[in-house]
């Protein structure tokens, strides 16, 4: 990826899906921590979706919400990300879903990239 400085603040890059604006101030683009959290949550959710499909667990929908803890004393770094999955489907087996979430975390490149520095907690709600 190549980034170009914007006149007002931040940087921009062009991807096959459009222009991405990144800045320290939300009025000029996505904040870097938001992109990191989104990358980890969506990567984990995507891997989870593939695992559930391989296990032939029929799901109708997955919604993901996150809560982030940051440490202001250490450059406002991300300390913990809580990922909460809401999974909708028929006859979902809670034990198999939990096992799949653990497996997804182990196979998500984004989660594994930060495994030594950011605590990732995952919970699930079956609908």
Protein backbone atom coordinates (compact mmCIF):
# COMPACT_ATOMS: atom_id res chain seq x y z
CA UNK A 1 0.00 0.00 0.00
CA UNK A 2 1.12 3.52 -0.73
CA UNK A 3 -0.05 6.51 1.31
CA UNK A 4 -0.06 10.17 0.36
CA UNK A 5 -0.19 13.03 2.85
CA UNK A 6 -3.45 15.02 2.77
CA UNK A 7 -3.38 18.80 2.86
CA UNK A 8 -5.47 19.22 6.04
CA UNK A 9 -4.39 16.20 8.11
CA UNK A 10 -3.74 12.51 7.72
CA UNK A 11 -3.02 10.29 4.76
CA UNK A 12 -4.93 8.64 1.96
CA UNK A 13 -4.52 5.52 -0.16
CA UNK A 14 -6.51 4.08 -3.01
CA UNK A 15 -7.61 0.46 -2.95
CA UNK A 16 -9.74 -1.59 -5.32
CA UNK A 17 -12.71 -0.65 -3.10
CA UNK A 18 -12.09 3.08 -3.12
CA UNK A 19 -10.15 5.72 -1.26
CA UNK A 20 -9.19 5.16 2.37
CA UNK A 21 -8.58 8.18 4.60
CA UNK A 22 -6.55 7.65 7.78
CA UNK A 23 -5.86 10.38 10.35
CA UNK A 24 -5.36 10.94 14.04
CA UNK A 25 -8.51 13.09 14.06
CA UNK A 26 -11.83 11.39 13.20
CA UNK A 27 -13.07 14.38 11.22
CA UNK A 28 -10.39 13.64 8.57
CA UNK A 29 -10.55 9.86 8.35
CA UNK A 30 -10.46 6.58 10.21
CA UNK A 31 -8.19 6.58 13.21
CA UNK A 32 -5.40 4.00 13.05
CA UNK A 33 -6.62 2.17 16.17
CA UNK A 34 -10.09 1.81 14.60
CA UNK A 35 -8.57 0.13 11.57
CA UNK A 36 -6.53 -2.20 13.77
CA UNK A 37 -9.55 -3.23 15.84
CA UNK A 38 -11.65 -3.65 12.69
CA UNK A 39 -8.94 -5.77 11.07
CA UNK A 40 -8.69 -8.09 14.07
CA UNK A 41 -12.46 -8.40 14.59
CA UNK A 42 -13.35 -8.94 10.94
CA UNK A 43 -10.44 -11.32 10.34
CA UNK A 44 -11.51 -13.38 13.36
CA UNK A 45 -15.14 -13.31 12.22
CA UNK A 46 -14.23 -14.32 8.68
CA UNK A 47 -12.12 -17.26 9.85
CA UNK A 48 -14.91 -18.26 12.26
CA UNK A 49 -17.44 -18.18 9.42
CA UNK A 50 -15.24 -20.50 7.30
CA UNK A 51 -14.74 -22.91 10.20
CA UNK A 52 -18.48 -23.07 10.93
CA UNK A 53 -19.17 -23.72 7.25
CA UNK A 54 -16.57 -26.54 7.17
CA UNK A 55 -18.17 -28.05 10.28
CA UNK A 56 -21.54 -27.80 8.48
CA UNK A 57 -22.97 -25.59 11.19
CA UNK A 58 -25.68 -23.68 9.41
CA UNK A 59 -25.70 -20.03 10.41
CA UNK A 60 -27.94 -17.27 9.15
CA UNK A 61 -25.94 -14.28 10.38
CA UNK A 62 -22.95 -13.15 12.43
CA UNK A 63 -22.80 -9.69 13.98
CA UNK A 64 -19.64 -8.53 15.71
CA UNK A 65 -19.28 -5.81 18.34
CA UNK A 66 -16.05 -4.73 19.99
CA UNK A 67 -14.97 -2.96 23.13
CA UNK A 68 -11.43 -1.61 23.36
CA UNK A 69 -9.29 -0.84 26.42
CA UNK A 70 -6.44 1.59 25.82
CA UNK A 71 -3.60 2.69 28.11
CA UNK A 72 -3.20 6.47 28.07
CA UNK A 73 0.05 6.26 30.04
CA UNK A 74 1.67 4.17 27.29
CA UNK A 75 0.96 6.24 24.15
CA UNK A 76 -2.73 5.27 24.36
CA UNK A 77 -1.85 1.80 23.14
CA UNK A 78 -4.47 -0.91 22.76
CA UNK A 79 -4.27 -3.25 25.75
CA UNK A 80 -7.38 -5.39 25.25
CA UNK A 81 -10.03 -6.02 22.61
CA UNK A 82 -13.26 -7.70 23.59
CA UNK A 83 -14.95 -9.25 20.55
CA UNK A 84 -18.58 -10.26 21.01
CA UNK A 85 -20.21 -12.42 18.36
CA UNK A 86 -23.97 -12.63 17.91
CA UNK A 87 -24.61 -15.73 15.86
CA UNK A 88 -28.04 -16.47 14.46
CA UNK A 89 -29.06 -19.91 13.31
CA UNK A 90 -31.13 -22.99 13.98
CA UNK A 91 -30.10 -25.71 16.44
CA UNK A 92 -26.73 -24.15 17.23
CA UNK A 93 -24.50 -26.20 19.51
CA UNK A 94 -22.90 -23.84 22.03
CA UNK A 95 -19.95 -26.14 22.73
CA UNK A 96 -19.09 -26.50 19.03
CA UNK A 97 -19.41 -22.75 18.53
CA UNK A 98 -17.01 -22.04 21.44
CA UNK A 99 -14.52 -24.58 20.08
CA UNK A 100 -14.77 -22.93 16.67
CA UNK A 101 -14.08 -19.49 18.16
CA UNK A 102 -10.89 -20.78 19.83
CA UNK A 103 -9.81 -22.38 16.54
CA UNK A 104 -10.60 -19.20 14.60
CA UNK A 105 -8.42 -17.13 16.94
CA UNK A 106 -5.51 -19.53 16.43
CA UNK A 107 -5.91 -19.27 12.64
CA UNK A 108 -6.59 -15.55 12.24
CA UNK A 109 -3.41 -13.87 10.98
CA UNK A 110 -4.37 -10.49 12.45
CA UNK A 111 -5.09 -11.89 15.92
CA UNK A 112 -1.88 -13.91 15.86
CA UNK A 113 0.11 -10.84 14.77
CA UNK A 114 -0.77 -9.08 18.05
CA UNK A 115 -1.03 -12.15 20.30
CA UNK A 116 1.96 -11.16 22.44
CA UNK A 117 0.90 -7.53 22.92
CA UNK A 118 -2.91 -7.23 22.90
CA UNK A 119 -5.25 -9.38 24.96
CA UNK A 120 -8.17 -10.61 22.87
CA UNK A 121 -11.27 -11.79 24.71
CA UNK A 122 -14.08 -13.38 22.74
CA UNK A 123 -17.65 -14.06 23.81
CA UNK A 124 -20.68 -15.32 21.94
CA UNK A 125 -24.43 -14.94 22.09
CA UNK A 126 -26.53 -17.46 20.18
CA UNK A 127 -29.74 -16.14 18.68
